Amino acid sequence: MTCGCTTKSFPKDPILPGAKSEIVIAFNSAGKMGRIDKTVTVVSNAVNADGALIKFTANVLDKKPQ
């Protein structure tokens, strides 16, 4: 089950062969503490596209008092 703390934004229009675009992944650490490992799967119709995995790790620290 996912927590809903990771969101994505990607182009809605097709990306032509040889063209570039951007996928933005955002992580909301509210209510989280310690080490967090997240994985995002990118699925496309490209040749040999088995689903590229993007993995990232965050170390969420306690908020410093002001």
PDB file of N, CA and C in Angstrom:
ATOM      1  N   MET A   1       0.841  -1.173   0.000  1.00  0.00           N
ATOM      2  CA  MET A   1       0.000   0.000   0.000  1.00  0.00           C
ATOM      3  C   MET A   1       0.892   1.244   0.000  1.00  0.00           C
ATOM      4  N   THR A   2       0.465   2.240  -0.730  1.00  0.00           N
ATOM      5  CA  THR A   2       1.241   3.472  -0.781  1.00  0.00           C
ATOM      6  C   THR A   2       0.664   4.486   0.193  1.00  0.00           C
ATOM      7  N   CYS A   3       1.501   5.419   0.605  1.00  0.00           N
ATOM      8  CA  CYS A   3       1.082   6.397   1.607  1.00  0.00           C
ATOM      9  C   CYS A   3       0.491   7.655   0.983  1.00  0.00           C
ATOM     10  N   GLY A   4       0.664   7.871  -0.304  1.00  0.00           N
ATOM     11  CA  GLY A   4       0.181   9.085  -0.940  1.00  0.00           C
ATOM     12  C   GLY A   4       1.109  10.269  -0.760  1.00  0.00           C
ATOM     13  N   CYS A   5       2.280  10.050  -0.171  1.00  0.00           N
ATOM     14  CA  CYS A   5       3.213  11.145   0.078  1.00  0.00           C
ATOM     15  C   CYS A   5       4.099  11.444  -1.133  1.00  0.00           C
ATOM     16  N   THR A   6       4.051  10.604  -2.151  1.00  0.00           N
ATOM     17  CA  THR A   6       4.853  10.809  -3.352  1.00  0.00           C
ATOM     18  C   THR A   6       3.908  11.117  -4.509  1.00  0.00           C
ATOM     19  N   THR A   7       4.154  12.234  -5.181  1.00  0.00           N
ATOM     20  CA  THR A   7       3.320  12.625  -6.309  1.00  0.00           C
ATOM     21  C   THR A   7       4.185  12.786  -7.551  1.00  0.00           C
ATOM     22  N   LYS A   8       3.532  12.759  -8.703  1.00  0.00           N
ATOM     23  CA  LYS A   8       4.265  12.907  -9.952  1.00  0.00           C
ATOM     24  C   LYS A   8       3.558  13.891 -10.861  1.00  0.00           C
ATOM     25  N   SER A   9       4.346  14.461 -11.756  1.00  0.00           N
ATOM     26  CA  SER A   9       3.838  15.346 -12.789  1.00  0.00           C
ATOM     27  C   SER A   9       4.581  14.979 -14.063  1.00  0.00           C
ATOM     28  N   PHE A  10       3.829  14.738 -15.129  1.00  0.00           N
ATOM     29  CA  PHE A  10       4.471  14.317 -16.381  1.00  0.00           C
ATOM     30  C   PHE A  10       3.716  14.925 -17.552  1.00  0.00           C
ATOM     31  N   PRO A  11       4.356  14.989 -18.731  1.00  0.00           N
ATOM     32  CA  PRO A  11       3.697  15.592 -19.893  1.00  0.00           C
ATOM     33  C   PRO A  11       2.514  14.733 -20.350  1.00  0.00           C
ATOM     34  N   LYS A  12       1.444  15.383 -20.726  1.00  0.00           N
ATOM     35  CA  LYS A  12       0.255  14.673 -21.218  1.00  0.00           C
ATOM     36  C   LYS A  12       0.361  14.374 -22.716  1.00  0.00           C
ATOM     37  N   ASP A  13       1.151  15.173 -23.426  1.00  0.00           N
ATOM     38  CA  ASP A  13       1.336  14.963 -24.871  1.00  0.00           C
ATOM     39  C   ASP A  13       2.417  13.923 -25.114  1.00  0.00           C
ATOM     40  N   PRO A  14       2.333  13.200 -26.227  1.00  0.00           N
ATOM     41  CA  PRO A  14       3.375  12.205 -26.539  1.00  0.00           C
ATOM     42  C   PRO A  14       4.751  12.853 -26.660  1.00  0.00           C
ATOM     43  N   ILE A  15       5.766  12.112 -26.277  1.00  0.00           N
ATOM     44  CA  ILE A  15       7.155  12.550 -26.433  1.00  0.00           C
ATOM     45  C   ILE A  15       7.700  11.828 -27.654  1.00  0.00           C
ATOM     46  N   LEU A  16       8.050  12.573 -28.664  1.00  0.00           N
ATOM     47  CA  LEU A  16       8.501  11.990 -29.922  1.00  0.00           C
ATOM     48  C   LEU A  16       9.869  11.348 -29.768  1.00  0.00           C
ATOM     49  N   PRO A  17      10.183  10.347 -30.600  1.00  0.00           N
ATOM     50  CA  PRO A  17      11.516   9.720 -30.543  1.00  0.00           C
ATOM     51  C   PRO A  17      12.619  10.773 -30.680  1.00  0.00           C
ATOM     52  N   GLY A  18      13.598  10.707 -29.809  1.00  0.00           N
ATOM     53  CA  GLY A  18      14.717  11.641 -29.822  1.00  0.00           C
ATOM     54  C   GLY A  18      14.442  12.937 -29.070  1.00  0.00           C
ATOM     55  N   ALA A  19      13.189  13.177 -28.703  1.00  0.00           N
ATOM     56  CA  ALA A  19      12.841  14.397 -27.969  1.00  0.00           C
ATOM     57  C   ALA A  19      13.057  14.167 -26.464  1.00  0.00           C
ATOM     58  N   LYS A  20      13.064  15.246 -25.725  1.00  0.00           N
ATOM     59  CA  LYS A  20      13.240  15.170 -24.278  1.00  0.00           C
ATOM     60  C   LYS A  20      12.046  15.804 -23.582  1.00  0.00           C
ATOM     61  N   SER A  21      11.818  15.356 -22.381  1.00  0.00           N
ATOM     62  CA  SER A  21      10.780  15.939 -21.543  1.00  0.00           C
ATOM     63  C   SER A  21      11.176  15.719 -20.093  1.00  0.00           C
ATOM     64  N   GLU A  22      10.273  15.998 -19.183  1.00  0.00           N
ATOM     65  CA  GLU A  22      10.626  15.931 -17.773  1.00  0.00           C
ATOM     66  C   GLU A  22       9.489  15.292 -16.977  1.00  0.00           C
ATOM     67  N   ILE A  23       9.866  14.446 -16.046  1.00  0.00           N
ATOM     68  CA  ILE A  23       8.942  13.884 -15.071  1.00  0.00           C
ATOM     69  C   ILE A  23       9.382  14.428 -13.723  1.00  0.00           C
ATOM     70  N   VAL A  24       8.465  15.051 -12.995  1.00  0.00           N
ATOM     71  CA  VAL A  24       8.785  15.630 -11.695  1.00  0.00           C
ATOM     72  C   VAL A  24       8.163  14.755 -10.611  1.00  0.00           C
ATOM     73  N   ILE A  25       8.987  14.310  -9.663  1.00  0.00           N
ATOM     74  CA  ILE A  25       8.546  13.514  -8.537  1.00  0.00           C
ATOM     75  C   ILE A  25       8.709  14.368  -7.283  1.00  0.00           C
ATOM     76  N   ALA A  26       7.658  14.467  -6.471  1.00  0.00           N
ATOM     77  CA  ALA A  26       7.712  15.250  -5.233  1.00  0.00           C
ATOM     78  C   ALA A  26       7.389  14.341  -4.054  1.00  0.00           C
ATOM     79  N   PHE A  27       8.089  14.552  -2.944  1.00  0.00           N
ATOM     80  CA  PHE A  27       7.885  13.766  -1.729  1.00  0.00           C
ATOM     81  C   PHE A  27       7.510  14.703  -0.599  1.00  0.00           C
ATOM     82  N   ASN A  28       6.377  14.463   0.048  1.00  0.00           N
ATOM     83  CA  ASN A  28       5.922  15.255   1.186  1.00  0.00           C
ATOM     84  C   ASN A  28       6.274  14.487   2.453  1.00  0.00           C
ATOM     85  N   SER A  29       7.183  15.021   3.253  1.00  0.00           N
ATOM     86  CA  SER A  29       7.675  14.320   4.438  1.00  0.00           C
ATOM     87  C   SER A  29       6.849  14.590   5.698  1.00  0.00           C
ATOM     88  N   ALA A  30       5.749  15.322   5.585  1.00  0.00           N
ATOM     89  CA  ALA A  30       4.912  15.626   6.758  1.00  0.00           C
ATOM     90  C   ALA A  30       4.470  14.328   7.432  1.00  0.00           C
ATOM     91  N   GLY A  31       4.709  14.249   8.737  1.00  0.00           N
ATOM     92  CA  GLY A  31       4.311  13.067   9.494  1.00  0.00           C
ATOM     93  C   GLY A  31       5.262  11.890   9.372  1.00  0.00           C
ATOM     94  N   LYS A  32       6.377  12.074   8.716  1.00  0.00           N
ATOM     95  CA  LYS A  32       7.362  11.009   8.526  1.00  0.00           C
ATOM     96  C   LYS A  32       8.616  11.316   9.336  1.00  0.00           C
ATOM     97  N   MET A  33       9.315  10.282   9.746  1.00  0.00           N
ATOM     98  CA  MET A  33      10.587  10.442  10.458  1.00  0.00           C
ATOM     99  C   MET A  33      11.529   9.332  10.016  1.00  0.00           C
ATOM    100  N   GLY A  34      12.819   9.650  10.018  1.00  0.00           N
ATOM    101  CA  GLY A  34      13.832   8.640   9.726  1.00  0.00           C
ATOM    102  C   GLY A  34      14.030   8.399   8.242  1.00  0.00           C
ATOM    103  N   ARG A  35      14.607   7.243   7.956  1.00  0.00           N
ATOM    104  CA  ARG A  35      14.936   6.879   6.578  1.00  0.00           C
ATOM    105  C   ARG A  35      13.678   6.429   5.841  1.00  0.00           C
ATOM    106  N   ILE A  36      13.488   6.992   4.661  1.00  0.00           N
ATOM    107  CA  ILE A  36      12.359   6.655   3.808  1.00  0.00           C
ATOM    108  C   ILE A  36      12.920   6.239   2.447  1.00  0.00           C
ATOM    109  N   ASP A  37      12.573   5.051   1.996  1.00  0.00           N
ATOM    110  CA  ASP A  37      12.975   4.573   0.664  1.00  0.00           C
ATOM    111  C   ASP A  37      11.732   4.559  -0.218  1.00  0.00           C
ATOM    112  N   LYS A  38      11.813   5.205  -1.370  1.00  0.00           N
ATOM    113  CA  LYS A  38      10.683   5.273  -2.291  1.00  0.00           C
ATOM    114  C   LYS A  38      11.119   4.782  -3.664  1.00  0.00           C
ATOM    115  N   THR A  39      10.182   4.189  -4.389  1.00  0.00           N
ATOM    116  CA  THR A  39      10.429   3.735  -5.753  1.00  0.00           C
ATOM    117  C   THR A  39       9.273   4.197  -6.633  1.00  0.00           C
ATOM    118  N   VAL A  40       9.613   4.748  -7.797  1.00  0.00           N
ATOM    119  CA  VAL A  40       8.624   5.176  -8.782  1.00  0.00           C
ATOM    120  C   VAL A  40       8.912   4.387 -10.058  1.00  0.00           C
ATOM    121  N   THR A  41       7.879   3.812 -10.659  1.00  0.00           N
ATOM    122  CA  THR A  41       8.026   3.053 -11.902  1.00  0.00           C
ATOM    123  C   THR A  41       7.563   3.908 -13.068  1.00  0.00           C
ATOM    124  N   VAL A  42       8.418   4.029 -14.085  1.00  0.00           N
ATOM    125  CA  VAL A  42       8.086   4.778 -15.296  1.00  0.00           C
ATOM    126  C   VAL A  42       7.733   3.764 -16.377  1.00  0.00           C
ATOM    127  N   VAL A  43       6.516   3.856 -16.887  1.00  0.00           N
ATOM    128  CA  VAL A  43       6.042   2.929 -17.914  1.00  0.00           C
ATOM    129  C   VAL A  43       5.864   3.685 -19.218  1.00  0.00           C
ATOM    130  N   SER A  44       6.334   3.107 -20.311  1.00  0.00           N
ATOM    131  CA  SER A  44       6.184   3.749 -21.618  1.00  0.00           C
ATOM    132  C   SER A  44       5.953   2.681 -22.682  1.00  0.00           C
ATOM    133  N   ASN A  45       5.740   3.136 -23.897  1.00  0.00           N
ATOM    134  CA  ASN A  45       5.583   2.207 -25.007  1.00  0.00           C
ATOM    135  C   ASN A  45       6.864   2.098 -25.840  1.00  0.00           C
ATOM    136  N   ALA A  46       7.986   2.528 -25.286  1.00  0.00           N
ATOM    137  CA  ALA A  46       9.266   2.448 -25.988  1.00  0.00           C
ATOM    138  C   ALA A  46       9.697   0.982 -26.139  1.00  0.00           C
ATOM    139  N   VAL A  47      10.511   0.726 -27.150  1.00  0.00           N
ATOM    140  CA  VAL A  47      11.031  -0.617 -27.364  1.00  0.00           C
ATOM    141  C   VAL A  47      11.869  -1.014 -26.148  1.00  0.00           C
ATOM    142  N   ASN A  48      11.692  -2.231 -25.663  1.00  0.00           N
ATOM    143  CA  ASN A  48      12.408  -2.751 -24.492  1.00  0.00           C
ATOM    144  C   ASN A  48      12.130  -1.948 -23.229  1.00  0.00           C
ATOM    145  N   ALA A  49      10.958  -1.355 -23.131  1.00  0.00           N
ATOM    146  CA  ALA A  49      10.603  -0.577 -21.931  1.00  0.00           C
ATOM    147  C   ALA A  49       9.890  -1.498 -20.953  1.00  0.00           C
ATOM    148  N   ASP A  50      10.645  -2.070 -20.034  1.00  0.00           N
ATOM    149  CA  ASP A  50      10.074  -2.978 -19.045  1.00  0.00           C
ATOM    150  C   ASP A  50       9.604  -2.242 -17.803  1.00  0.00           C
ATOM    151  N   GLY A  51       9.700  -0.953 -17.796  1.00  0.00           N
ATOM    152  CA  GLY A  51       9.330  -0.154 -16.621  1.00  0.00           C
ATOM    153  C   GLY A  51      10.584   0.265 -15.882  1.00  0.00           C
ATOM    154  N   ALA A  52      11.082   1.443 -16.204  1.00  0.00           N
ATOM    155  CA  ALA A  52      12.278   1.954 -15.547  1.00  0.00           C
ATOM    156  C   ALA A  52      11.942   2.317 -14.109  1.00  0.00           C
ATOM    157  N   LEU A  53      12.823   1.985 -13.187  1.00  0.00           N
ATOM    158  CA  LEU A  53      12.619   2.303 -11.777  1.00  0.00           C
ATOM    159  C   LEU A  53      13.468   3.497 -11.383  1.00  0.00           C
ATOM    160  N   ILE A  54      12.841   4.440 -10.702  1.00  0.00           N
ATOM    161  CA  ILE A  54      13.548   5.564 -10.109  1.00  0.00           C
ATOM    162  C   ILE A  54      13.453   5.350  -8.601  1.00  0.00           C
ATOM    163  N   LYS A  55      14.613   5.231  -7.955  1.00  0.00           N
ATOM    164  CA  LYS A  55      14.639   4.998  -6.514  1.00  0.00           C
ATOM    165  C   LYS A  55      15.308   6.183  -5.830  1.00  0.00           C
ATOM    166  N   PHE A  56      14.735   6.594  -4.705  1.00  0.00           N
ATOM    167  CA  PHE A  56      15.398   7.630  -3.923  1.00  0.00           C
ATOM    168  C   PHE A  56      15.185   7.372  -2.439  1.00  0.00           C
ATOM    169  N   THR A  57      16.099   7.910  -1.651  1.00  0.00           N
ATOM    170  CA  THR A  57      16.066   7.753  -0.205  1.00  0.00           C
ATOM    171  C   THR A  57      16.086   9.136   0.430  1.00  0.00           C
ATOM    172  N   ALA A  58      15.264   9.309   1.455  1.00  0.00           N
ATOM    173  CA  ALA A  58      15.247  10.562   2.210  1.00  0.00           C
ATOM    174  C   ALA A  58      15.507  10.242   3.673  1.00  0.00           C
ATOM    175  N   ASN A  59      16.216  11.113   4.343  1.00  0.00           N
ATOM    176  CA  ASN A  59      16.417  10.989   5.781  1.00  0.00           C
ATOM    177  C   ASN A  59      15.696  12.176   6.415  1.00  0.00           C
ATOM    178  N   VAL A  60      14.497  11.917   6.933  1.00  0.00           N
ATOM    179  CA  VAL A  60      13.670  12.991   7.479  1.00  0.00           C
ATOM    180  C   VAL A  60      14.069  13.206   8.939  1.00  0.00           C
ATOM    181  N   LEU A  61      14.515  14.428   9.230  1.00  0.00           N
ATOM    182  CA  LEU A  61      14.962  14.794  10.563  1.00  0.00           C
ATOM    183  C   LEU A  61      13.849  15.527  11.312  1.00  0.00           C
ATOM    184  N   ASP A  62      13.952  15.528  12.630  1.00  0.00           N
ATOM    185  CA  ASP A  62      13.008  16.251  13.466  1.00  0.00           C
ATOM    186  C   ASP A  62      13.167  17.742  13.183  1.00  0.00           C
ATOM    187  N   LYS A  63      12.068  18.460  13.156  1.00  0.00           N
ATOM    188  CA  LYS A  63      12.093  19.893  12.874  1.00  0.00           C
ATOM    189  C   LYS A  63      12.847  20.621  13.987  1.00  0.00           C
ATOM    190  N   LYS A  64      13.763  21.519  13.575  1.00  0.00           N
ATOM    191  CA  LYS A  64      14.533  22.290  14.567  1.00  0.00           C
ATOM    192  C   LYS A  64      13.644  23.343  15.200  1.00  0.00           C
ATOM    193  N   PRO A  65      13.758  23.505  16.537  1.00  0.00           N
ATOM    194  CA  PRO A  65      12.968  24.558  17.196  1.00  0.00           C
ATOM    195  C   PRO A  65      13.428  25.934  16.715  1.00  0.00           C
ATOM    196  N   GLN A  66      12.494  26.860  16.634  1.00  0.00           N
ATOM    197  CA  GLN A  66      12.847  28.205  16.142  1.00  0.00           C
ATOM    198  C   GLN A  66      13.064  29.162  17.272  1.00  0.00           C
TER     199      GLN A  66
END
